[in-house]
């Protein structure tokens, strides 16, 4: 799925949300997360510049992360993190709605747990 289509799907599914960045590389994503102080991240599992998935696990330790992927065997990189969810391509509005509902609950739980 193209990034623009994913952004459109997020906006259509959760119109009250604000997409603060649309990035194509790991470096740009990391910079955008810091610059915008995002509450969550929606990522394609295969961003340019990604050598391994450890950076996704580190990001998921900071905020809820939704990874979009075409891979079915992602359990190894997920590492049992409760703040990391994958959704399989092809994305549909139903899949995205379910995934973003999970993300919304994960954001609320993280905010409730913060001092």
N, C-alpha and C. Protein backbone atom coordinates (compact mmCIF):
# COMPACT_ATOMS: atom_id res chain seq x y z
N UNK A 1 0.84 -1.18 0.00
CA UNK A 1 0.00 0.00 0.00
C UNK A 1 0.89 1.24 0.00
N UNK A 2 0.51 2.21 -0.75
CA UNK A 2 1.25 3.46 -0.80
C UNK A 2 1.01 4.23 0.48
N UNK A 3 2.02 5.01 0.90
CA UNK A 3 1.88 5.79 2.14
C UNK A 3 0.68 6.72 2.07
N UNK A 4 0.50 7.38 0.95
CA UNK A 4 -0.62 8.32 0.83
C UNK A 4 -1.95 7.62 1.03
N UNK A 5 -2.08 6.41 0.51
CA UNK A 5 -3.31 5.65 0.68
C UNK A 5 -3.51 5.26 2.15
N UNK A 6 -2.42 4.94 2.84
CA UNK A 6 -2.52 4.60 4.25
C UNK A 6 -2.93 5.83 5.06
N UNK A 7 -2.36 6.97 4.76
CA UNK A 7 -2.74 8.21 5.45
C UNK A 7 -4.22 8.51 5.19
N UNK A 8 -4.67 8.36 3.96
CA UNK A 8 -6.08 8.59 3.63
C UNK A 8 -6.98 7.64 4.41
N UNK A 9 -6.56 6.39 4.54
CA UNK A 9 -7.35 5.40 5.27
C UNK A 9 -7.42 5.75 6.75
N UNK A 10 -6.31 6.22 7.31
CA UNK A 10 -6.31 6.65 8.72
C UNK A 10 -7.26 7.82 8.91
N UNK A 11 -7.17 8.82 8.03
CA UNK A 11 -8.02 10.01 8.12
C UNK A 11 -9.50 9.66 7.95
N UNK A 12 -9.79 8.71 7.07
CA UNK A 12 -11.18 8.30 6.86
C UNK A 12 -11.72 7.51 8.04
N UNK A 13 -10.85 6.73 8.65
CA UNK A 13 -11.26 5.86 9.77
C UNK A 13 -11.34 6.62 11.08
N UNK A 14 -10.40 7.52 11.31
CA UNK A 14 -10.32 8.29 12.56
C UNK A 14 -10.18 9.78 12.20
N UNK A 15 -11.24 10.41 11.71
CA UNK A 15 -11.12 11.80 11.27
C UNK A 15 -10.71 12.77 12.38
N UNK A 16 -10.92 12.38 13.63
CA UNK A 16 -10.52 13.25 14.74
C UNK A 16 -9.01 13.19 15.01
N UNK A 17 -8.32 12.23 14.43
CA UNK A 17 -6.87 12.10 14.61
C UNK A 17 -6.14 13.03 13.66
N UNK A 18 -4.92 13.38 14.03
CA UNK A 18 -4.08 14.21 13.19
C UNK A 18 -2.83 13.42 12.81
N UNK A 19 -2.62 13.23 11.54
CA UNK A 19 -1.39 12.60 11.06
C UNK A 19 -0.34 13.69 11.01
N UNK A 20 0.73 13.54 11.81
CA UNK A 20 1.71 14.62 11.93
C UNK A 20 2.92 14.45 11.03
N UNK A 21 3.09 13.26 10.47
CA UNK A 21 4.23 13.05 9.58
C UNK A 21 3.94 11.88 8.64
N UNK A 22 4.51 11.95 7.47
CA UNK A 22 4.42 10.89 6.47
C UNK A 22 5.85 10.68 5.99
N UNK A 23 6.49 9.62 6.44
CA UNK A 23 7.91 9.43 6.19
C UNK A 23 8.18 8.16 5.39
N UNK A 24 9.34 8.11 4.75
CA UNK A 24 9.69 6.97 3.92
C UNK A 24 10.89 6.19 4.43
N UNK A 25 11.61 6.76 5.40
CA UNK A 25 12.83 6.09 5.88
C UNK A 25 12.81 5.99 7.40
N UNK A 26 13.63 5.11 7.92
CA UNK A 26 13.77 4.97 9.37
C UNK A 26 14.25 6.28 9.98
N UNK A 27 15.27 6.88 9.39
CA UNK A 27 15.83 8.13 9.94
C UNK A 27 14.78 9.23 9.99
N UNK A 28 13.99 9.37 8.92
CA UNK A 28 12.95 10.39 8.90
C UNK A 28 11.86 10.09 9.93
N UNK A 29 11.55 8.82 10.10
CA UNK A 29 10.54 8.42 11.08
C UNK A 29 11.01 8.73 12.48
N UNK A 30 12.25 8.38 12.79
CA UNK A 30 12.79 8.67 14.12
C UNK A 30 12.79 10.18 14.39
N UNK A 31 13.19 10.96 13.40
CA UNK A 31 13.21 12.41 13.57
C UNK A 31 11.80 12.96 13.76
N UNK A 32 10.84 12.44 13.02
CA UNK A 32 9.46 12.91 13.13
C UNK A 32 8.86 12.57 14.49
N UNK A 33 9.16 11.39 15.00
CA UNK A 33 8.65 11.00 16.32
C UNK A 33 9.15 11.98 17.39
N UNK A 34 10.42 12.33 17.30
CA UNK A 34 10.99 13.27 18.28
C UNK A 34 10.42 14.68 18.08
N UNK A 35 10.34 15.13 16.85
CA UNK A 35 9.89 16.49 16.56
C UNK A 35 8.43 16.72 16.93
N UNK A 36 7.60 15.71 16.73
CA UNK A 36 6.17 15.90 16.92
C UNK A 36 5.65 15.35 18.24
N UNK A 37 6.52 14.69 18.99
CA UNK A 37 6.09 14.10 20.26
C UNK A 37 4.80 13.30 20.08
N UNK A 38 4.85 12.39 19.13
CA UNK A 38 3.68 11.62 18.74
C UNK A 38 3.18 10.73 19.90
N UNK A 39 1.89 10.45 19.87
CA UNK A 39 1.28 9.56 20.86
C UNK A 39 1.38 8.10 20.41
N UNK A 40 1.55 7.89 19.09
CA UNK A 40 1.60 6.55 18.53
C UNK A 40 2.23 6.62 17.15
N UNK A 41 2.57 5.45 16.61
CA UNK A 41 3.14 5.40 15.27
C UNK A 41 2.46 4.29 14.47
N UNK A 42 2.21 4.59 13.20
CA UNK A 42 1.72 3.60 12.24
C UNK A 42 2.81 3.49 11.19
N UNK A 43 3.38 2.30 11.08
CA UNK A 43 4.56 2.11 10.23
C UNK A 43 4.36 0.98 9.23
N UNK A 44 5.01 1.10 8.09
CA UNK A 44 5.18 -0.04 7.21
C UNK A 44 6.39 -0.78 7.74
N UNK A 45 6.31 -2.07 7.84
CA UNK A 45 7.40 -2.85 8.41
C UNK A 45 8.70 -2.70 7.62
N UNK A 46 8.61 -2.36 6.35
CA UNK A 46 9.82 -2.29 5.52
C UNK A 46 10.12 -0.88 5.07
N UNK A 47 10.44 -0.01 6.02
CA UNK A 47 10.89 1.33 5.67
C UNK A 47 12.30 1.28 5.13
N UNK A 48 12.61 2.20 4.24
CA UNK A 48 13.98 2.27 3.73
C UNK A 48 14.92 2.60 4.88
N UNK A 49 16.07 1.96 4.88
CA UNK A 49 17.07 2.20 5.91
C UNK A 49 16.96 1.26 7.09
N UNK A 50 16.00 0.35 7.06
CA UNK A 50 15.84 -0.57 8.18
C UNK A 50 16.75 -1.77 8.00
N UNK A 51 17.65 -1.96 8.97
CA UNK A 51 18.55 -3.10 8.93
C UNK A 51 17.95 -4.28 9.69
N UNK A 52 17.25 -3.99 10.77
CA UNK A 52 16.57 -5.02 11.55
C UNK A 52 15.39 -4.36 12.25
N UNK A 53 14.68 -5.12 13.03
CA UNK A 53 13.46 -4.60 13.64
C UNK A 53 13.65 -4.15 15.09
N UNK A 54 14.88 -4.11 15.56
CA UNK A 54 15.10 -3.69 16.95
C UNK A 54 14.63 -2.27 17.20
N UNK A 55 14.76 -1.40 16.21
CA UNK A 55 14.33 -0.02 16.41
C UNK A 55 12.82 0.07 16.58
N UNK A 56 12.06 -0.85 15.96
CA UNK A 56 10.61 -0.87 16.15
C UNK A 56 10.29 -1.30 17.58
N UNK A 57 11.02 -2.28 18.08
CA UNK A 57 10.82 -2.71 19.46
C UNK A 57 11.15 -1.57 20.43
N UNK A 58 12.21 -0.83 20.15
CA UNK A 58 12.57 0.31 21.00
C UNK A 58 11.49 1.39 20.94
N UNK A 59 10.95 1.63 19.76
CA UNK A 59 9.88 2.61 19.59
C UNK A 59 8.63 2.15 20.35
N UNK A 60 8.32 0.87 20.28
CA UNK A 60 7.14 0.33 20.95
C UNK A 60 7.28 0.38 22.47
N UNK A 61 8.50 0.49 22.96
CA UNK A 61 8.70 0.67 24.40
C UNK A 61 8.35 2.11 24.81
N UNK A 62 8.34 3.03 23.83
CA UNK A 62 8.03 4.44 24.09
C UNK A 62 6.58 4.80 23.82
N UNK A 63 5.96 4.10 22.87
CA UNK A 63 4.60 4.44 22.45
C UNK A 63 3.98 3.24 21.74
N UNK A 64 2.65 3.21 21.65
CA UNK A 64 2.02 2.15 20.87
C UNK A 64 2.40 2.26 19.39
N UNK A 65 2.65 1.12 18.77
CA UNK A 65 3.07 1.08 17.37
C UNK A 65 2.19 0.08 16.61
N UNK A 66 1.71 0.51 15.48
CA UNK A 66 0.96 -0.36 14.58
C UNK A 66 1.82 -0.55 13.34
N UNK A 67 2.18 -1.79 13.06
CA UNK A 67 3.00 -2.10 11.88
C UNK A 67 2.14 -2.74 10.80
N UNK A 68 2.22 -2.18 9.62
CA UNK A 68 1.53 -2.74 8.47
C UNK A 68 2.55 -3.58 7.72
N UNK A 69 2.17 -4.81 7.40
CA UNK A 69 3.11 -5.71 6.76
C UNK A 69 2.38 -6.72 5.88
N UNK A 70 3.10 -7.26 4.94
CA UNK A 70 2.60 -8.36 4.13
C UNK A 70 3.10 -9.69 4.64
N UNK A 71 3.97 -9.65 5.65
CA UNK A 71 4.55 -10.88 6.20
C UNK A 71 3.62 -11.49 7.24
N UNK A 72 3.50 -12.81 7.20
CA UNK A 72 2.65 -13.47 8.18
C UNK A 72 3.43 -13.96 9.39
N UNK A 73 4.73 -14.11 9.27
CA UNK A 73 5.55 -14.62 10.37
C UNK A 73 6.31 -13.47 11.01
N UNK A 74 5.65 -12.74 11.89
CA UNK A 74 6.29 -11.59 12.51
C UNK A 74 6.44 -11.75 14.01
N UNK A 75 6.08 -12.89 14.55
CA UNK A 75 6.14 -13.11 15.99
C UNK A 75 7.52 -12.91 16.57
N UNK A 76 8.55 -13.26 15.82
CA UNK A 76 9.92 -13.15 16.34
C UNK A 76 10.30 -11.71 16.60
N UNK A 77 9.95 -10.80 15.72
CA UNK A 77 10.33 -9.40 15.93
C UNK A 77 9.39 -8.71 16.89
N UNK A 78 8.18 -9.23 17.04
CA UNK A 78 7.22 -8.58 17.92
C UNK A 78 7.66 -8.66 19.38
N UNK A 79 8.31 -9.74 19.76
CA UNK A 79 8.92 -9.84 21.07
C UNK A 79 7.96 -9.78 22.24
N UNK A 80 6.69 -10.10 22.03
CA UNK A 80 5.73 -10.12 23.12
C UNK A 80 5.33 -8.75 23.64
N UNK A 81 5.67 -7.69 22.92
CA UNK A 81 5.32 -6.35 23.38
C UNK A 81 3.81 -6.13 23.25
N UNK A 82 3.20 -5.64 24.32
CA UNK A 82 1.77 -5.38 24.29
C UNK A 82 1.44 -4.07 23.59
N UNK A 83 2.45 -3.26 23.31
CA UNK A 83 2.22 -1.98 22.64
C UNK A 83 2.59 -2.05 21.16
N UNK A 84 2.64 -3.25 20.63
CA UNK A 84 3.01 -3.44 19.23
C UNK A 84 2.02 -4.39 18.59
N UNK A 85 1.38 -3.95 17.52
CA UNK A 85 0.41 -4.76 16.81
C UNK A 85 0.74 -4.73 15.33
N UNK A 86 0.50 -5.85 14.68
CA UNK A 86 0.68 -5.89 13.24
C UNK A 86 -0.67 -6.05 12.57
N UNK A 87 -0.81 -5.48 11.41
CA UNK A 87 -1.99 -5.68 10.57
C UNK A 87 -1.48 -6.07 9.19
N UNK A 88 -2.09 -7.11 8.65
CA UNK A 88 -1.62 -7.65 7.38
C UNK A 88 -2.23 -6.93 6.18
N UNK A 89 -1.38 -6.74 5.17
CA UNK A 89 -1.85 -6.24 3.89
C UNK A 89 -2.61 -7.37 3.20
N UNK A 90 -3.52 -7.11 2.35
CA UNK A 90 -3.97 -5.78 1.94
C UNK A 90 -4.84 -5.15 3.02
N UNK A 91 -4.64 -3.85 3.19
CA UNK A 91 -5.43 -3.13 4.17
C UNK A 91 -6.82 -2.87 3.63
N UNK A 92 -7.78 -3.04 4.49
CA UNK A 92 -9.16 -2.68 4.16
C UNK A 92 -9.63 -1.71 5.24
N UNK A 93 -10.72 -1.08 5.00
CA UNK A 93 -11.25 -0.15 6.01
C UNK A 93 -11.59 -0.90 7.29
N UNK A 94 -12.12 -2.13 7.16
CA UNK A 94 -12.47 -2.93 8.34
C UNK A 94 -11.21 -3.27 9.13
N UNK A 95 -10.16 -3.75 8.46
CA UNK A 95 -8.91 -4.07 9.15
C UNK A 95 -8.32 -2.83 9.82
N UNK A 96 -8.33 -1.73 9.10
CA UNK A 96 -7.75 -0.51 9.64
C UNK A 96 -8.56 0.00 10.81
N UNK A 97 -9.88 -0.09 10.74
CA UNK A 97 -10.72 0.34 11.86
C UNK A 97 -10.40 -0.48 13.11
N UNK A 98 -10.31 -1.79 12.96
CA UNK A 98 -9.98 -2.66 14.10
C UNK A 98 -8.60 -2.32 14.66
N UNK A 99 -7.64 -2.13 13.79
CA UNK A 99 -6.27 -1.84 14.22
C UNK A 99 -6.19 -0.47 14.90
N UNK A 100 -6.86 0.52 14.35
CA UNK A 100 -6.81 1.86 14.94
C UNK A 100 -7.61 1.92 16.24
N UNK A 101 -8.66 1.10 16.37
CA UNK A 101 -9.36 1.00 17.65
C UNK A 101 -8.42 0.43 18.71
N UNK A 102 -7.64 -0.60 18.34
CA UNK A 102 -6.64 -1.14 19.26
C UNK A 102 -5.63 -0.05 19.64
N UNK A 103 -5.18 0.69 18.64
CA UNK A 103 -4.18 1.73 18.87
C UNK A 103 -4.74 2.81 19.81
N UNK A 104 -5.99 3.18 19.61
CA UNK A 104 -6.62 4.19 20.46
C UNK A 104 -6.67 3.72 21.92
N UNK A 105 -7.02 2.44 22.12
CA UNK A 105 -7.05 1.89 23.48
C UNK A 105 -5.65 1.83 24.08
N UNK A 106 -4.67 1.48 23.27
CA UNK A 106 -3.28 1.42 23.75
C UNK A 106 -2.79 2.81 24.15
N UNK A 107 -3.16 3.82 23.38
CA UNK A 107 -2.78 5.21 23.72
C UNK A 107 -3.41 5.60 25.05
N UNK A 108 -4.70 5.33 25.18
CA UNK A 108 -5.42 5.68 26.42
C UNK A 108 -4.82 4.96 27.62
N UNK A 109 -4.50 3.70 27.48
CA UNK A 109 -3.90 2.94 28.59
C UNK A 109 -2.54 3.51 28.96
N UNK A 110 -1.75 3.88 27.97
CA UNK A 110 -0.43 4.46 28.25
C UNK A 110 -0.58 5.81 28.96
N UNK A 111 -1.52 6.62 28.49
CA UNK A 111 -1.72 7.93 29.13
C UNK A 111 -2.24 7.77 30.56
N UNK A 112 -3.11 6.80 30.79
CA UNK A 112 -3.65 6.57 32.13
C UNK A 112 -2.56 6.09 33.09
N UNK A 113 -1.58 5.37 32.55
CA UNK A 113 -0.49 4.85 33.39
C UNK A 113 0.61 5.88 33.65
N UNK A 114 0.60 6.97 32.88
CA UNK A 114 1.63 8.01 33.05
C UNK A 114 1.29 8.90 34.24
N UNK A 115 2.34 9.32 34.96
CA UNK A 115 2.09 10.20 36.11
C UNK A 115 1.67 11.60 35.69
